[in-house]
Amino acid sequence: MIELLTVISLTVVVAVVPGPDFAVVLRNSLVGGRMAGVMTALGIGLALGVHVTYALAGIGLIVSQSILLFNALKLIGAAYLVFLGITMYRTASREMPADAKSLSMSPMKALRWGFFTNVTNPKATMFAMSVFLQVTSPETPLWTQIGYGIIMASGVFSWFVLVTFCFTLDKVRNAFLRTKLWMERTFGVLLTLFGIGIAATTGATR
């Protein structure tokens, strides 16, 4: 029971604290619409499943014990966030969709954004490793650990779906779309800063 409560608590904290995942879901929801937001959230949930899988397979232990490998993964994630941020900034536009409810992002593109943002996110890596290397014990059954993984992925997915529904309400979305250019540029700068921040901490003692 203590393990379960700890997993749920960590999931809530990791989901709610703003980071690259939150920025991408918010941006895609406001610009691409509700379906884009939900698909971005699904991509994040699927990526978290990847983190859970390698943590369960024991690869997480190897990563946690190898500073070189862990820092390499951090740099890859940082580079992706910087690339995504710069792309978002450069493609920012004042142009409004002909219909405020129409989608300007395909579901698959939104899913890819969510997936790659999370799968290269060191915070998600540490989240999975902290659960399966520190919270659970060798006596925890495999199926129980898989259940924890499902709780983690579905919990994060559910949170971002809620975020999507809140920010795609007509009044909220229309208000944001009136400042579309600066909103997209702001999200681009934030993602770039997230990436730079991750790169700057590479090599630090963990």
N, C-alpha and C. Protein backbone atom coordinates (compact mmCIF):
# COMPACT_ATOMS: atom_id res chain seq x y z
N MET A 1 0.83 -1.20 0.00
CA MET A 1 0.00 0.00 0.00
C MET A 1 0.87 1.26 0.00
N ILE A 2 1.96 1.24 0.79
CA ILE A 2 2.85 2.40 0.83
C ILE A 2 3.48 2.64 -0.53
N GLU A 3 3.88 1.54 -1.20
CA GLU A 3 4.46 1.67 -2.54
C GLU A 3 3.45 2.32 -3.48
N LEU A 4 2.22 1.85 -3.46
CA LEU A 4 1.19 2.37 -4.36
C LEU A 4 0.95 3.85 -4.11
N LEU A 5 0.83 4.24 -2.87
CA LEU A 5 0.60 5.65 -2.54
C LEU A 5 1.79 6.51 -2.97
N THR A 6 2.99 5.96 -2.84
CA THR A 6 4.18 6.70 -3.26
C THR A 6 4.20 6.90 -4.77
N VAL A 7 3.85 5.83 -5.51
CA VAL A 7 3.80 5.92 -6.96
C VAL A 7 2.77 6.95 -7.40
N ILE A 8 1.59 6.92 -6.79
CA ILE A 8 0.53 7.88 -7.14
C ILE A 8 0.98 9.30 -6.83
N SER A 9 1.60 9.49 -5.67
CA SER A 9 2.06 10.83 -5.28
C SER A 9 3.11 11.36 -6.25
N LEU A 10 4.08 10.52 -6.61
CA LEU A 10 5.11 10.93 -7.54
C LEU A 10 4.52 11.26 -8.91
N THR A 11 3.54 10.47 -9.34
CA THR A 11 2.90 10.71 -10.63
C THR A 11 2.21 12.06 -10.65
N VAL A 12 1.50 12.38 -9.58
CA VAL A 12 0.80 13.67 -9.49
C VAL A 12 1.79 14.82 -9.55
N VAL A 13 2.87 14.70 -8.77
CA VAL A 13 3.86 15.78 -8.73
C VAL A 13 4.52 15.97 -10.09
N VAL A 14 4.96 14.87 -10.71
CA VAL A 14 5.64 14.94 -12.00
C VAL A 14 4.72 15.50 -13.08
N ALA A 15 3.44 15.14 -13.04
CA ALA A 15 2.49 15.60 -14.05
C ALA A 15 2.19 17.08 -13.89
N VAL A 16 1.97 17.52 -12.66
CA VAL A 16 1.49 18.88 -12.41
C VAL A 16 2.59 19.93 -12.55
N VAL A 17 3.82 19.59 -12.13
CA VAL A 17 4.90 20.58 -12.21
C VAL A 17 5.18 20.92 -13.68
N PRO A 18 5.10 22.21 -14.06
CA PRO A 18 5.29 22.60 -15.46
C PRO A 18 6.68 22.24 -15.97
N GLY A 19 6.74 21.80 -17.21
CA GLY A 19 7.99 21.44 -17.85
C GLY A 19 7.78 21.39 -19.35
N PRO A 20 8.69 20.79 -20.10
CA PRO A 20 8.54 20.71 -21.56
C PRO A 20 7.24 20.05 -22.00
N ASP A 21 6.84 18.98 -21.33
CA ASP A 21 5.60 18.29 -21.70
C ASP A 21 4.40 19.23 -21.60
N PHE A 22 4.32 19.96 -20.50
CA PHE A 22 3.22 20.89 -20.28
C PHE A 22 3.21 21.97 -21.37
N ALA A 23 4.38 22.51 -21.69
CA ALA A 23 4.47 23.57 -22.69
C ALA A 23 3.99 23.08 -24.06
N VAL A 24 4.39 21.86 -24.43
CA VAL A 24 4.01 21.32 -25.74
C VAL A 24 2.51 21.01 -25.79
N VAL A 25 1.97 20.43 -24.73
CA VAL A 25 0.53 20.14 -24.70
C VAL A 25 -0.27 21.44 -24.78
N LEU A 26 0.14 22.43 -24.02
CA LEU A 26 -0.58 23.70 -24.01
C LEU A 26 -0.52 24.37 -25.37
N ARG A 27 0.66 24.40 -25.96
CA ARG A 27 0.81 25.03 -27.27
C ARG A 27 -0.04 24.32 -28.33
N ASN A 28 0.07 23.00 -28.39
CA ASN A 28 -0.65 22.25 -29.42
C ASN A 28 -2.16 22.33 -29.22
N SER A 29 -2.60 22.37 -27.97
CA SER A 29 -4.04 22.49 -27.69
C SER A 29 -4.58 23.83 -28.17
N LEU A 30 -3.84 24.89 -27.91
CA LEU A 30 -4.31 26.23 -28.26
C LEU A 30 -4.25 26.48 -29.76
N VAL A 31 -3.20 25.99 -30.39
CA VAL A 31 -3.02 26.25 -31.82
C VAL A 31 -3.70 25.19 -32.68
N GLY A 32 -3.61 23.91 -32.25
CA GLY A 32 -4.13 22.82 -33.07
C GLY A 32 -5.51 22.35 -32.70
N GLY A 33 -6.00 22.72 -31.53
CA GLY A 33 -7.32 22.28 -31.11
C GLY A 33 -7.29 21.11 -30.15
N ARG A 34 -8.47 20.70 -29.74
CA ARG A 34 -8.60 19.67 -28.70
C ARG A 34 -8.00 18.33 -29.12
N MET A 35 -8.23 17.91 -30.36
CA MET A 35 -7.69 16.63 -30.80
C MET A 35 -6.17 16.64 -30.79
N ALA A 36 -5.57 17.76 -31.21
CA ALA A 36 -4.11 17.87 -31.19
C ALA A 36 -3.59 17.76 -29.76
N GLY A 37 -4.29 18.40 -28.82
CA GLY A 37 -3.87 18.33 -27.42
C GLY A 37 -3.96 16.92 -26.87
N VAL A 38 -5.07 16.23 -27.17
CA VAL A 38 -5.26 14.87 -26.68
C VAL A 38 -4.21 13.92 -27.28
N MET A 39 -3.93 14.10 -28.57
CA MET A 39 -2.93 13.24 -29.21
C MET A 39 -1.52 13.53 -28.68
N THR A 40 -1.26 14.79 -28.35
CA THR A 40 0.03 15.12 -27.73
C THR A 40 0.13 14.43 -26.37
N ALA A 41 -0.96 14.48 -25.61
CA ALA A 41 -1.00 13.81 -24.30
C ALA A 41 -0.81 12.30 -24.46
N LEU A 42 -1.41 11.73 -25.51
CA LEU A 42 -1.25 10.29 -25.77
C LEU A 42 0.21 9.97 -26.09
N GLY A 43 0.85 10.83 -26.87
CA GLY A 43 2.26 10.62 -27.20
C GLY A 43 3.12 10.63 -25.95
N ILE A 44 2.80 11.53 -25.03
CA ILE A 44 3.54 11.61 -23.76
C ILE A 44 3.32 10.35 -22.94
N GLY A 45 2.08 9.88 -22.90
CA GLY A 45 1.78 8.66 -22.16
C GLY A 45 2.50 7.45 -22.74
N LEU A 46 2.55 7.36 -24.07
CA LEU A 46 3.24 6.25 -24.72
C LEU A 46 4.75 6.32 -24.45
N ALA A 47 5.30 7.52 -24.48
CA ALA A 47 6.72 7.68 -24.21
C ALA A 47 7.05 7.29 -22.78
N LEU A 48 6.15 7.64 -21.86
CA LEU A 48 6.38 7.24 -20.47
C LEU A 48 6.38 5.72 -20.36
N GLY A 49 5.56 5.07 -21.19
CA GLY A 49 5.58 3.61 -21.24
C GLY A 49 6.94 3.07 -21.64
N VAL A 50 7.63 3.80 -22.53
CA VAL A 50 8.99 3.41 -22.93
C VAL A 50 9.94 3.49 -21.74
N HIS A 51 9.84 4.60 -20.99
CA HIS A 51 10.68 4.75 -19.80
C HIS A 51 10.43 3.63 -18.79
N VAL A 52 9.15 3.31 -18.61
CA VAL A 52 8.78 2.25 -17.67
C VAL A 52 9.35 0.91 -18.14
N THR A 53 9.27 0.65 -19.43
CA THR A 53 9.74 -0.61 -19.98
C THR A 53 11.23 -0.82 -19.74
N TYR A 54 12.04 0.21 -20.06
CA TYR A 54 13.48 -0.02 -19.87
C TYR A 54 13.86 -0.02 -18.40
N ALA A 55 13.08 0.68 -17.57
CA ALA A 55 13.35 0.62 -16.13
C ALA A 55 13.07 -0.78 -15.60
N LEU A 56 11.97 -1.38 -16.05
CA LEU A 56 11.63 -2.74 -15.64
C LEU A 56 12.64 -3.75 -16.18
N ALA A 57 13.17 -3.48 -17.37
CA ALA A 57 14.12 -4.41 -17.99
C ALA A 57 15.50 -4.35 -17.35
N GLY A 58 15.70 -3.37 -16.48
CA GLY A 58 16.99 -3.27 -15.80
C GLY A 58 17.95 -2.32 -16.46
N ILE A 59 17.58 -1.79 -17.63
CA ILE A 59 18.46 -0.84 -18.32
C ILE A 59 18.60 0.43 -17.49
N GLY A 60 17.50 0.75 -16.77
CA GLY A 60 17.54 1.94 -15.94
C GLY A 60 18.65 1.87 -14.91
N LEU A 61 18.92 0.67 -14.39
CA LEU A 61 20.00 0.51 -13.42
C LEU A 61 21.35 0.83 -14.05
N ILE A 62 21.52 0.36 -15.29
CA ILE A 62 22.78 0.62 -16.00
C ILE A 62 22.95 2.13 -16.21
N VAL A 63 21.86 2.78 -16.66
CA VAL A 63 21.92 4.22 -16.91
C VAL A 63 22.23 4.97 -15.63
N SER A 64 21.57 4.56 -14.55
CA SER A 64 21.76 5.26 -13.28
C SER A 64 23.18 5.13 -12.74
N GLN A 65 23.89 4.08 -13.15
CA GLN A 65 25.24 3.85 -12.66
C GLN A 65 26.31 4.38 -13.63
N SER A 66 25.89 4.84 -14.80
CA SER A 66 26.84 5.33 -15.79
C SER A 66 26.64 6.83 -16.02
N ILE A 67 27.53 7.63 -15.48
CA ILE A 67 27.44 9.08 -15.65
C ILE A 67 27.56 9.45 -17.12
N LEU A 68 28.45 8.78 -17.84
CA LEU A 68 28.67 9.09 -19.25
C LEU A 68 27.41 8.84 -20.06
N LEU A 69 26.79 7.66 -19.87
CA LEU A 69 25.59 7.31 -20.62
C LEU A 69 24.43 8.24 -20.24
N PHE A 70 24.28 8.50 -18.95
CA PHE A 70 23.19 9.36 -18.51
C PHE A 70 23.34 10.77 -19.09
N ASN A 71 24.57 11.30 -19.07
CA ASN A 71 24.79 12.63 -19.62
C ASN A 71 24.59 12.67 -21.13
N ALA A 72 24.93 11.57 -21.81
CA ALA A 72 24.70 11.50 -23.25
C ALA A 72 23.21 11.60 -23.54
N LEU A 73 22.40 10.88 -22.76
CA LEU A 73 20.95 10.93 -22.93
C LEU A 73 20.42 12.33 -22.63
N LYS A 74 20.99 12.98 -21.62
CA LYS A 74 20.56 14.33 -21.28
C LYS A 74 20.85 15.29 -22.43
N LEU A 75 22.01 15.15 -23.04
CA LEU A 75 22.38 16.05 -24.14
C LEU A 75 21.49 15.83 -25.37
N ILE A 76 21.14 14.57 -25.62
CA ILE A 76 20.22 14.29 -26.73
C ILE A 76 18.88 14.95 -26.47
N GLY A 77 18.39 14.80 -25.25
CA GLY A 77 17.12 15.42 -24.89
C GLY A 77 17.19 16.93 -24.96
N ALA A 78 18.29 17.50 -24.49
CA ALA A 78 18.46 18.95 -24.52
C ALA A 78 18.48 19.46 -25.96
N ALA A 79 19.21 18.76 -26.84
CA ALA A 79 19.30 19.16 -28.25
C ALA A 79 17.92 19.13 -28.92
N TYR A 80 17.13 18.11 -28.58
CA TYR A 80 15.79 18.01 -29.19
C TYR A 80 14.92 19.18 -28.74
N LEU A 81 14.96 19.52 -27.46
CA LEU A 81 14.14 20.61 -26.95
C LEU A 81 14.55 21.94 -27.56
N VAL A 82 15.85 22.17 -27.70
CA VAL A 82 16.33 23.40 -28.33
C VAL A 82 15.86 23.46 -29.78
N PHE A 83 15.98 22.33 -30.49
CA PHE A 83 15.52 22.27 -31.88
C PHE A 83 14.03 22.57 -31.97
N LEU A 84 13.25 21.95 -31.09
CA LEU A 84 11.80 22.14 -31.10
C LEU A 84 11.47 23.60 -30.77
N GLY A 85 12.16 24.17 -29.79
CA GLY A 85 11.90 25.55 -29.40
C GLY A 85 12.22 26.53 -30.51
N ILE A 86 13.37 26.35 -31.15
CA ILE A 86 13.76 27.24 -32.25
C ILE A 86 12.78 27.11 -33.41
N THR A 87 12.38 25.88 -33.72
CA THR A 87 11.41 25.65 -34.80
C THR A 87 10.09 26.35 -34.48
N MET A 88 9.63 26.21 -33.25
CA MET A 88 8.38 26.83 -32.84
C MET A 88 8.47 28.35 -32.95
N TYR A 89 9.61 28.90 -32.54
CA TYR A 89 9.80 30.36 -32.59
C TYR A 89 9.82 30.86 -34.03
N ARG A 90 10.56 30.16 -34.89
CA ARG A 90 10.71 30.60 -36.27
C ARG A 90 9.43 30.47 -37.09
N THR A 91 8.59 29.50 -36.75
CA THR A 91 7.36 29.29 -37.51
C THR A 91 6.17 30.02 -36.90
N ALA A 92 6.40 30.79 -35.83
CA ALA A 92 5.31 31.54 -35.21
C ALA A 92 4.71 32.50 -36.21
N SER A 93 3.40 32.65 -36.16
CA SER A 93 2.71 33.50 -37.12
C SER A 93 1.50 34.17 -36.47
N ARG A 94 1.17 35.35 -36.98
CA ARG A 94 -0.03 36.04 -36.51
C ARG A 94 -1.29 35.50 -37.18
N GLU A 95 -1.10 34.70 -38.25
CA GLU A 95 -2.25 34.23 -39.02
C GLU A 95 -3.17 33.38 -38.16
N MET A 96 -4.46 33.66 -38.27
CA MET A 96 -5.47 32.93 -37.53
C MET A 96 -6.10 31.90 -38.44
N PRO A 97 -6.54 30.75 -37.92
CA PRO A 97 -7.26 29.78 -38.73
C PRO A 97 -8.58 30.39 -39.20
N ALA A 98 -9.03 29.99 -40.38
CA ALA A 98 -10.30 30.51 -40.90
C ALA A 98 -11.42 30.22 -39.92
N ASP A 99 -11.37 29.08 -39.29
CA ASP A 99 -12.34 28.71 -38.27
C ASP A 99 -11.57 28.46 -36.98
N ALA A 100 -11.91 29.17 -35.93
CA ALA A 100 -11.16 29.06 -34.68
C ALA A 100 -11.17 27.65 -34.13
N LYS A 101 -12.13 26.82 -34.57
CA LYS A 101 -12.22 25.45 -34.07
C LYS A 101 -11.53 24.45 -34.98
N SER A 102 -11.03 24.92 -36.10
CA SER A 102 -10.43 23.99 -37.05
C SER A 102 -9.04 23.59 -36.58
N LEU A 103 -8.60 22.41 -37.00
CA LEU A 103 -7.30 21.90 -36.59
C LEU A 103 -6.22 22.41 -37.54
N SER A 104 -5.10 22.85 -36.99
CA SER A 104 -3.97 23.28 -37.81
C SER A 104 -2.79 22.33 -37.61
N MET A 105 -3.05 21.21 -36.95
CA MET A 105 -2.01 20.21 -36.72
C MET A 105 -2.62 18.83 -36.84
N SER A 106 -1.98 17.97 -37.61
CA SER A 106 -2.53 16.62 -37.78
C SER A 106 -2.36 15.83 -36.48
N PRO A 107 -3.28 14.90 -36.21
CA PRO A 107 -3.17 14.09 -34.99
C PRO A 107 -1.85 13.36 -34.86
N MET A 108 -1.33 12.81 -35.95
CA MET A 108 -0.07 12.07 -35.89
C MET A 108 1.11 12.98 -35.59
N LYS A 109 1.09 14.19 -36.14
CA LYS A 109 2.17 15.13 -35.85
C LYS A 109 2.14 15.51 -34.37
N ALA A 110 0.93 15.73 -33.85
CA ALA A 110 0.79 16.07 -32.43
C ALA A 110 1.29 14.92 -31.55
N LEU A 111 0.94 13.68 -31.94
CA LEU A 111 1.39 12.52 -31.18
C LEU A 111 2.92 12.43 -31.19
N ARG A 112 3.54 12.69 -32.36
CA ARG A 112 5.00 12.64 -32.45
C ARG A 112 5.64 13.70 -31.56
N TRP A 113 5.07 14.89 -31.55
CA TRP A 113 5.61 15.96 -30.71
C TRP A 113 5.59 15.53 -29.25
N GLY A 114 4.45 15.01 -28.82
CA GLY A 114 4.33 14.58 -27.43
C GLY A 114 5.28 13.45 -27.10
N PHE A 115 5.36 12.47 -28.00
CA PHE A 115 6.20 11.30 -27.76
C PHE A 115 7.67 11.68 -27.65
N PHE A 116 8.19 12.40 -28.63
CA PHE A 116 9.62 12.71 -28.64
C PHE A 116 10.00 13.73 -27.58
N THR A 117 9.06 14.61 -27.21
CA THR A 117 9.35 15.55 -26.13
C THR A 117 9.55 14.81 -24.82
N ASN A 118 8.69 13.81 -24.56
CA ASN A 118 8.81 13.08 -23.30
C ASN A 118 9.90 12.03 -23.33
N VAL A 119 10.04 11.32 -24.43
CA VAL A 119 11.00 10.21 -24.47
C VAL A 119 12.44 10.72 -24.36
N THR A 120 12.68 12.00 -24.71
CA THR A 120 14.02 12.57 -24.59
C THR A 120 14.13 13.48 -23.35
N ASN A 121 13.12 13.45 -22.49
CA ASN A 121 13.08 14.30 -21.32
C ASN A 121 13.76 13.60 -20.12
N PRO A 122 14.89 14.11 -19.65
CA PRO A 122 15.58 13.47 -18.51
C PRO A 122 14.71 13.39 -17.27
N LYS A 123 13.77 14.32 -17.10
CA LYS A 123 12.90 14.28 -15.93
C LYS A 123 12.05 13.01 -15.95
N ALA A 124 11.59 12.62 -17.14
CA ALA A 124 10.80 11.40 -17.26
C ALA A 124 11.67 10.17 -16.99
N THR A 125 12.92 10.24 -17.46
CA THR A 125 13.85 9.14 -17.20
C THR A 125 14.06 8.95 -15.70
N MET A 126 14.30 10.06 -15.01
CA MET A 126 14.53 9.99 -13.57
C MET A 126 13.27 9.55 -12.82
N PHE A 127 12.11 9.96 -13.32
CA PHE A 127 10.84 9.56 -12.72
C PHE A 127 10.71 8.04 -12.74
N ALA A 128 10.92 7.45 -13.92
CA ALA A 128 10.79 5.99 -14.04
C ALA A 128 11.82 5.27 -13.19
N MET A 129 13.05 5.75 -13.22
CA MET A 129 14.10 5.08 -12.45
C MET A 129 13.87 5.21 -10.95
N SER A 130 13.37 6.38 -10.51
CA SER A 130 13.15 6.56 -9.08
C SER A 130 12.08 5.62 -8.56
N VAL A 131 11.07 5.34 -9.40
CA VAL A 131 10.00 4.44 -8.99
C VAL A 131 10.49 3.00 -8.93
N PHE A 132 11.17 2.54 -10.00
CA PHE A 132 11.51 1.12 -10.08
C PHE A 132 12.86 0.76 -9.47
N LEU A 133 13.67 1.76 -9.15
CA LEU A 133 14.95 1.45 -8.51
C LEU A 133 14.97 1.85 -7.04
N GLN A 134 14.02 2.69 -6.62
CA GLN A 134 14.05 3.16 -5.24
C GLN A 134 12.75 2.89 -4.48
N VAL A 135 11.61 3.05 -5.16
CA VAL A 135 10.32 2.86 -4.48
C VAL A 135 9.97 1.39 -4.34
N THR A 136 10.11 0.64 -5.43
CA THR A 136 9.80 -0.79 -5.38
C THR A 136 10.97 -1.56 -4.77
N SER A 137 10.70 -2.79 -4.40
CA SER A 137 11.74 -3.64 -3.82
C SER A 137 11.86 -4.92 -4.64
N PRO A 138 12.92 -5.68 -4.44
CA PRO A 138 13.07 -6.94 -5.18
C PRO A 138 11.91 -7.90 -4.95
N GLU A 139 11.21 -7.71 -3.84
CA GLU A 139 10.08 -8.61 -3.53
C GLU A 139 8.79 -8.19 -4.23
N THR A 140 8.79 -7.00 -4.84
CA THR A 140 7.57 -6.53 -5.52
C THR A 140 7.35 -7.38 -6.77
N PRO A 141 6.19 -8.05 -6.89
CA PRO A 141 5.92 -8.89 -8.06
C PRO A 141 5.98 -8.10 -9.37
N LEU A 142 6.37 -8.79 -10.44
CA LEU A 142 6.50 -8.13 -11.74
C LEU A 142 5.18 -7.52 -12.18
N TRP A 143 4.07 -8.27 -12.00
CA TRP A 143 2.78 -7.76 -12.44
C TRP A 143 2.37 -6.51 -11.65
N THR A 144 2.78 -6.45 -10.40
CA THR A 144 2.51 -5.25 -9.60
C THR A 144 3.30 -4.07 -10.14
N GLN A 145 4.54 -4.31 -10.51
CA GLN A 145 5.37 -3.24 -11.08
C GLN A 145 4.80 -2.77 -12.42
N ILE A 146 4.31 -3.71 -13.22
CA ILE A 146 3.68 -3.33 -14.49
C ILE A 146 2.45 -2.47 -14.21
N GLY A 147 1.71 -2.85 -13.17
CA GLY A 147 0.54 -2.06 -12.78
C GLY A 147 0.93 -0.65 -12.38
N TYR A 148 2.07 -0.50 -11.69
CA TYR A 148 2.56 0.83 -11.34
C TYR A 148 2.86 1.63 -12.61
N GLY A 149 3.45 0.95 -13.57
CA GLY A 149 3.78 1.62 -14.83
C GLY A 149 2.52 2.11 -15.54
N ILE A 150 1.49 1.30 -15.52
CA ILE A 150 0.21 1.69 -16.14
C ILE A 150 -0.38 2.89 -15.42
N ILE A 151 -0.29 2.87 -14.09
CA ILE A 151 -0.80 4.00 -13.29
C ILE A 151 -0.03 5.28 -13.65
N MET A 152 1.28 5.18 -13.77
CA MET A 152 2.11 6.33 -14.10
C MET A 152 1.75 6.91 -15.46
N ALA A 153 1.70 6.05 -16.48
CA ALA A 153 1.43 6.52 -17.84
C ALA A 153 0.02 7.06 -17.98
N SER A 154 -0.96 6.33 -17.42
CA SER A 154 -2.35 6.76 -17.54
C SER A 154 -2.61 8.01 -16.71
N GLY A 155 -1.92 8.15 -15.58
CA GLY A 155 -2.09 9.32 -14.74
C GLY A 155 -1.59 10.58 -15.43
N VAL A 156 -0.41 10.51 -16.02
CA VAL A 156 0.15 11.65 -16.74
C VAL A 156 -0.71 11.97 -17.96
N PHE A 157 -1.14 10.94 -18.68
CA PHE A 157 -2.02 11.14 -19.84
C PHE A 157 -3.31 11.85 -19.42
N SER A 158 -3.93 11.38 -18.35
CA SER A 158 -5.19 11.96 -17.89
C SER A 158 -5.03 13.42 -17.50
N TRP A 159 -3.92 13.73 -16.84
CA TRP A 159 -3.68 15.12 -16.44
C TRP A 159 -3.60 16.04 -17.66
N PHE A 160 -2.86 15.61 -18.68
CA PHE A 160 -2.70 16.46 -19.85
C PHE A 160 -3.96 16.52 -20.70
N VAL A 161 -4.80 15.49 -20.64
CA VAL A 161 -6.11 15.57 -21.30
C VAL A 161 -6.95 16.63 -20.60
N LEU A 162 -6.89 16.66 -19.26
CA LEU A 162 -7.62 17.67 -18.50
C LEU A 162 -7.12 19.07 -18.86
N VAL A 163 -5.80 19.23 -18.95
CA VAL A 163 -5.23 20.51 -19.36
C VAL A 163 -5.75 20.91 -20.74
N THR A 164 -5.76 19.93 -21.64
CA THR A 164 -6.25 20.18 -23.00
C THR A 164 -7.69 20.67 -23.00
N PHE A 165 -8.56 19.99 -22.26
CA PHE A 165 -9.97 20.37 -22.24
C PHE A 165 -10.16 21.76 -21.63
N CYS A 166 -9.37 22.08 -20.63
CA CYS A 166 -9.50 23.41 -19.99
C CYS A 166 -9.09 24.52 -20.94
N PHE A 167 -7.99 24.32 -21.66
CA PHE A 167 -7.45 25.39 -22.50
C PHE A 167 -8.03 25.40 -23.91
N THR A 168 -8.92 24.46 -24.22
CA THR A 168 -9.60 24.51 -25.52
C THR A 168 -11.05 24.97 -25.38
N LEU A 169 -11.43 25.40 -24.20
CA LEU A 169 -12.72 26.06 -24.05
C LEU A 169 -12.71 27.30 -24.93
N ASP A 170 -13.80 27.56 -25.62
CA ASP A 170 -13.83 28.63 -26.62
C ASP A 170 -13.29 29.96 -26.12
N LYS A 171 -13.71 30.40 -24.96
CA LYS A 171 -13.29 31.71 -24.45
C LYS A 171 -11.79 31.73 -24.17
N VAL A 172 -11.30 30.64 -23.59
CA VAL A 172 -9.88 30.58 -23.27
C VAL A 172 -9.04 30.52 -24.53
N ARG A 173 -9.41 29.62 -25.45
CA ARG A 173 -8.62 29.45 -26.67
C ARG A 173 -8.65 30.70 -27.53
N ASN A 174 -9.81 31.32 -27.68
CA ASN A 174 -9.90 32.53 -28.49
C ASN A 174 -9.07 33.66 -27.92
N ALA A 175 -9.03 33.74 -26.58
CA ALA A 175 -8.22 34.78 -25.93
C ALA A 175 -6.74 34.56 -26.24
N PHE A 176 -6.30 33.31 -26.20
CA PHE A 176 -4.91 33.01 -26.48
C PHE A 176 -4.59 33.22 -27.96
N LEU A 177 -5.52 32.85 -28.83
CA LEU A 177 -5.28 32.98 -30.27
C LEU A 177 -5.13 34.43 -30.70
N ARG A 178 -5.69 35.37 -29.92
CA ARG A 178 -5.54 36.78 -30.25
C ARG A 178 -4.10 37.24 -30.06
N THR A 179 -3.36 36.49 -29.29
CA THR A 179 -1.94 36.78 -29.09
C THR A 179 -1.09 35.63 -29.63
N LYS A 180 -1.55 35.03 -30.71
CA LYS A 180 -0.96 33.82 -31.26
C LYS A 180 0.54 33.95 -31.52
N LEU A 181 0.96 35.03 -32.15
CA LEU A 181 2.37 35.19 -32.50
C LEU A 181 3.26 35.14 -31.26
N TRP A 182 2.93 35.95 -30.26
CA TRP A 182 3.76 36.03 -29.08
C TRP A 182 3.61 34.80 -28.19
N MET A 183 2.45 34.18 -28.27
CA MET A 183 2.26 32.94 -27.51
C MET A 183 3.19 31.85 -28.04
N GLU A 184 3.22 31.68 -29.37
CA GLU A 184 4.07 30.65 -29.95
C GLU A 184 5.54 30.96 -29.73
N ARG A 185 5.90 32.24 -29.84
CA ARG A 185 7.29 32.62 -29.60
C ARG A 185 7.68 32.37 -28.14
N THR A 186 6.75 32.64 -27.23
CA THR A 186 7.02 32.41 -25.81
C THR A 186 7.26 30.94 -25.53
N PHE A 187 6.38 30.08 -26.09
CA PHE A 187 6.56 28.64 -25.91
C PHE A 187 7.88 28.19 -26.54
N GLY A 188 8.25 28.77 -27.68
CA GLY A 188 9.51 28.42 -28.32
C GLY A 188 10.70 28.77 -27.45
N VAL A 189 10.65 29.97 -26.85
CA VAL A 189 11.73 30.40 -25.96
C VAL A 189 11.80 29.51 -24.72
N LEU A 190 10.62 29.17 -24.16
CA LEU A 190 10.59 28.32 -22.96
C LEU A 190 11.21 26.96 -23.23
N LEU A 191 10.84 26.34 -24.35
CA LEU A 191 11.40 25.02 -24.67
C LEU A 191 12.91 25.11 -24.89
N THR A 192 13.34 26.19 -25.56
CA THR A 192 14.78 26.38 -25.78
C THR A 192 15.51 26.52 -24.45
N LEU A 193 14.92 27.30 -23.53
CA LEU A 193 15.53 27.49 -22.22
C LEU A 193 15.55 26.18 -21.42
N PHE A 194 14.47 25.39 -21.54
CA PHE A 194 14.47 24.08 -20.89
C PHE A 194 15.65 23.25 -21.38
N GLY A 195 15.84 23.25 -22.71
CA GLY A 195 16.94 22.48 -23.29
C GLY A 195 18.30 22.98 -22.84
N ILE A 196 18.48 24.29 -22.84
CA ILE A 196 19.75 24.87 -22.40
C ILE A 196 20.00 24.55 -20.92
N GLY A 197 18.93 24.62 -20.12
CA GLY A 197 19.06 24.31 -18.70
C GLY A 197 19.49 22.87 -18.47
N ILE A 198 18.92 21.95 -19.25
CA ILE A 198 19.29 20.54 -19.13
C ILE A 198 20.75 20.34 -19.53
N ALA A 199 21.16 20.99 -20.65
CA ALA A 199 22.53 20.85 -21.11
C ALA A 199 23.51 21.43 -20.09
N ALA A 200 23.12 22.53 -19.45
CA ALA A 200 24.01 23.21 -18.50
C ALA A 200 24.26 22.36 -17.26
N THR A 201 23.31 21.48 -16.93
CA THR A 201 23.49 20.64 -15.74
C THR A 201 24.17 19.32 -16.05
N THR A 202 24.46 19.08 -17.33
CA THR A 202 25.13 17.83 -17.70
C THR A 202 26.51 17.77 -17.09
N GLY A 203 26.78 16.64 -16.44
CA GLY A 203 28.07 16.47 -15.78
C GLY A 203 28.01 16.79 -14.31
N ALA A 204 26.85 17.40 -13.88
CA ALA A 204 26.74 17.72 -12.47
C ALA A 204 26.58 16.46 -11.65
N THR A 205 26.97 16.49 -10.42
CA THR A 205 26.83 15.33 -9.55
C THR A 205 25.38 15.09 -9.25
N ARG A 206 24.94 13.86 -9.41
CA ARG A 206 23.54 13.54 -9.16
C ARG A 206 23.40 12.92 -7.79
